[in-house]
Amino acid sequence: MSVSNYASGSRAPTVSICALNVARSLAGDESAWRAPMSAIRDVTVRLAREGPILITQV
């Protein structure tokens, strides 16, 4: 699954995703996934506060 699929909403609304999978997709290199995690967490929290997503596990 590409990052564009995550962003475009091509997944069913009831399907969950893991921030780690998003980071791995963004990094492109399996060893570089940690770098974007902080930004992904920040965006996730912002989106949860705005309402379009629900965080179910911390």
N, C-alpha and C. Protein backbone atom coordinates (compact mmCIF):
# COMPACT_ATOMS: atom_id res chain seq x y z
N MET A 1 0.86 -1.18 0.00
CA MET A 1 0.00 0.00 0.00
C MET A 1 0.90 1.23 0.00
N SER A 2 0.61 2.15 -0.87
CA SER A 2 1.41 3.37 -0.95
C SER A 2 0.87 4.44 -0.01
N VAL A 3 1.69 5.43 0.26
CA VAL A 3 1.25 6.55 1.10
C VAL A 3 0.07 7.26 0.47
N SER A 4 0.06 7.34 -0.85
CA SER A 4 -1.06 8.02 -1.51
C SER A 4 -2.37 7.31 -1.22
N ASN A 5 -2.35 6.00 -1.05
CA ASN A 5 -3.56 5.28 -0.69
C ASN A 5 -4.02 5.65 0.71
N TYR A 6 -3.08 5.83 1.62
CA TYR A 6 -3.44 6.28 2.96
C TYR A 6 -4.08 7.66 2.90
N ALA A 7 -3.44 8.57 2.16
CA ALA A 7 -3.88 9.96 2.11
C ALA A 7 -5.16 10.14 1.32
N SER A 8 -5.36 9.34 0.29
CA SER A 8 -6.51 9.54 -0.59
C SER A 8 -7.80 8.98 -0.02
N GLY A 9 -7.69 8.21 1.04
CA GLY A 9 -8.91 7.63 1.61
C GLY A 9 -9.38 6.41 0.86
N SER A 10 -8.50 5.75 0.12
CA SER A 10 -8.92 4.59 -0.65
C SER A 10 -9.17 3.37 0.22
N ARG A 11 -8.82 3.47 1.48
CA ARG A 11 -9.12 2.39 2.42
C ARG A 11 -10.50 2.62 3.01
N ALA A 12 -11.15 1.55 3.40
CA ALA A 12 -12.47 1.67 4.00
C ALA A 12 -12.37 2.48 5.29
N PRO A 13 -13.39 3.27 5.60
CA PRO A 13 -13.37 4.11 6.81
C PRO A 13 -13.21 3.33 8.10
N THR A 14 -13.58 2.06 8.10
CA THR A 14 -13.50 1.25 9.31
C THR A 14 -12.17 0.52 9.46
N VAL A 15 -11.28 0.67 8.50
CA VAL A 15 -9.99 -0.02 8.53
C VAL A 15 -8.97 0.83 9.25
N SER A 16 -8.20 0.20 10.11
CA SER A 16 -7.17 0.94 10.83
C SER A 16 -5.82 0.83 10.12
N ILE A 17 -4.97 1.78 10.42
CA ILE A 17 -3.60 1.74 9.93
C ILE A 17 -2.67 2.03 11.09
N CYS A 18 -1.45 1.62 10.95
CA CYS A 18 -0.44 1.82 11.97
C CYS A 18 0.50 2.93 11.53
N ALA A 19 0.85 3.81 12.44
CA ALA A 19 1.77 4.90 12.12
C ALA A 19 3.10 4.36 11.60
N LEU A 20 3.51 3.22 12.09
CA LEU A 20 4.76 2.60 11.63
C LEU A 20 4.68 2.26 10.14
N ASN A 21 3.53 1.76 9.67
CA ASN A 21 3.37 1.46 8.25
C ASN A 21 3.43 2.72 7.41
N VAL A 22 2.86 3.80 7.91
CA VAL A 22 2.94 5.07 7.20
C VAL A 22 4.38 5.53 7.12
N ALA A 23 5.10 5.45 8.24
CA ALA A 23 6.51 5.86 8.28
C ALA A 23 7.35 5.04 7.32
N ARG A 24 7.13 3.76 7.29
CA ARG A 24 7.88 2.91 6.36
C ARG A 24 7.58 3.26 4.91
N SER A 25 6.34 3.58 4.61
CA SER A 25 5.99 3.98 3.26
C SER A 25 6.64 5.30 2.88
N LEU A 26 6.65 6.24 3.81
CA LEU A 26 7.25 7.54 3.55
C LEU A 26 8.77 7.44 3.41
N ALA A 27 9.40 6.64 4.24
CA ALA A 27 10.86 6.55 4.25
C ALA A 27 11.39 5.88 3.00
N GLY A 28 10.67 4.91 2.49
CA GLY A 28 11.13 4.21 1.31
C GLY A 28 12.25 3.22 1.58
N ASP A 29 13.05 3.49 2.58
CA ASP A 29 14.16 2.63 2.97
C ASP A 29 13.83 2.05 4.34
N GLU A 30 13.84 0.76 4.45
CA GLU A 30 13.45 0.09 5.69
C GLU A 30 14.22 0.60 6.90
N SER A 31 15.44 1.04 6.72
CA SER A 31 16.24 1.48 7.85
C SER A 31 16.00 2.94 8.22
N ALA A 32 15.23 3.67 7.41
CA ALA A 32 15.04 5.11 7.64
C ALA A 32 13.66 5.47 8.16
N TRP A 33 12.88 4.51 8.58
CA TRP A 33 11.50 4.78 8.98
C TRP A 33 11.38 5.58 10.27
N ARG A 34 12.38 5.55 11.12
CA ARG A 34 12.28 6.26 12.40
C ARG A 34 12.26 7.78 12.23
N ALA A 35 12.93 8.27 11.22
CA ALA A 35 13.05 9.73 11.01
C ALA A 35 11.70 10.44 10.91
N PRO A 36 10.73 9.93 10.16
CA PRO A 36 9.45 10.65 10.06
C PRO A 36 8.45 10.37 11.18
N MET A 37 8.77 9.50 12.13
CA MET A 37 7.80 9.12 13.15
C MET A 37 7.29 10.29 13.99
N SER A 38 8.15 11.20 14.38
CA SER A 38 7.73 12.33 15.19
C SER A 38 6.70 13.18 14.45
N ALA A 39 6.98 13.47 13.20
CA ALA A 39 6.05 14.27 12.39
C ALA A 39 4.73 13.52 12.18
N ILE A 40 4.80 12.22 11.97
CA ILE A 40 3.59 11.42 11.79
C ILE A 40 2.75 11.44 13.06
N ARG A 41 3.38 11.31 14.20
CA ARG A 41 2.64 11.38 15.47
C ARG A 41 1.98 12.75 15.65
N ASP A 42 2.70 13.82 15.31
CA ASP A 42 2.14 15.17 15.43
C ASP A 42 0.91 15.33 14.56
N VAL A 43 0.99 14.88 13.32
CA VAL A 43 -0.14 14.99 12.40
C VAL A 43 -1.30 14.12 12.88
N THR A 44 -0.99 12.94 13.38
CA THR A 44 -2.03 12.04 13.88
C THR A 44 -2.80 12.67 15.03
N VAL A 45 -2.09 13.26 15.97
CA VAL A 45 -2.75 13.91 17.11
C VAL A 45 -3.60 15.09 16.62
N ARG A 46 -3.07 15.88 15.69
CA ARG A 46 -3.83 17.02 15.17
C ARG A 46 -5.12 16.54 14.50
N LEU A 47 -5.02 15.51 13.67
CA LEU A 47 -6.20 14.99 12.98
C LEU A 47 -7.21 14.41 13.97
N ALA A 48 -6.73 13.77 15.02
CA ALA A 48 -7.64 13.22 16.03
C ALA A 48 -8.38 14.34 16.74
N ARG A 49 -7.69 15.44 17.02
CA ARG A 49 -8.34 16.58 17.67
C ARG A 49 -9.37 17.23 16.77
N GLU A 50 -9.10 17.24 15.46
CA GLU A 50 -10.03 17.83 14.49
C GLU A 50 -11.19 16.92 14.16
N GLY A 51 -11.06 15.63 14.43
CA GLY A 51 -12.17 14.71 14.26
C GLY A 51 -12.14 13.71 13.15
N PRO A 52 -11.31 13.84 12.09
CA PRO A 52 -11.42 12.87 11.02
C PRO A 52 -10.86 11.49 11.33
N ILE A 53 -10.07 11.36 12.40
CA ILE A 53 -9.55 10.04 12.74
C ILE A 53 -9.75 9.79 14.24
N LEU A 54 -9.65 8.55 14.60
CA LEU A 54 -9.77 8.13 15.99
C LEU A 54 -8.53 7.32 16.34
N ILE A 55 -7.83 7.72 17.38
CA ILE A 55 -6.67 6.97 17.85
C ILE A 55 -7.19 5.91 18.81
N THR A 56 -6.92 4.63 18.48
CA THR A 56 -7.44 3.55 19.30
C THR A 56 -6.36 2.86 20.13
N GLN A 57 -5.10 3.14 19.84
CA GLN A 57 -4.01 2.54 20.58
C GLN A 57 -2.85 3.52 20.64
N VAL A 58 -2.24 3.63 21.81
CA VAL A 58 -1.12 4.56 21.98
C VAL A 58 0.14 3.77 22.17
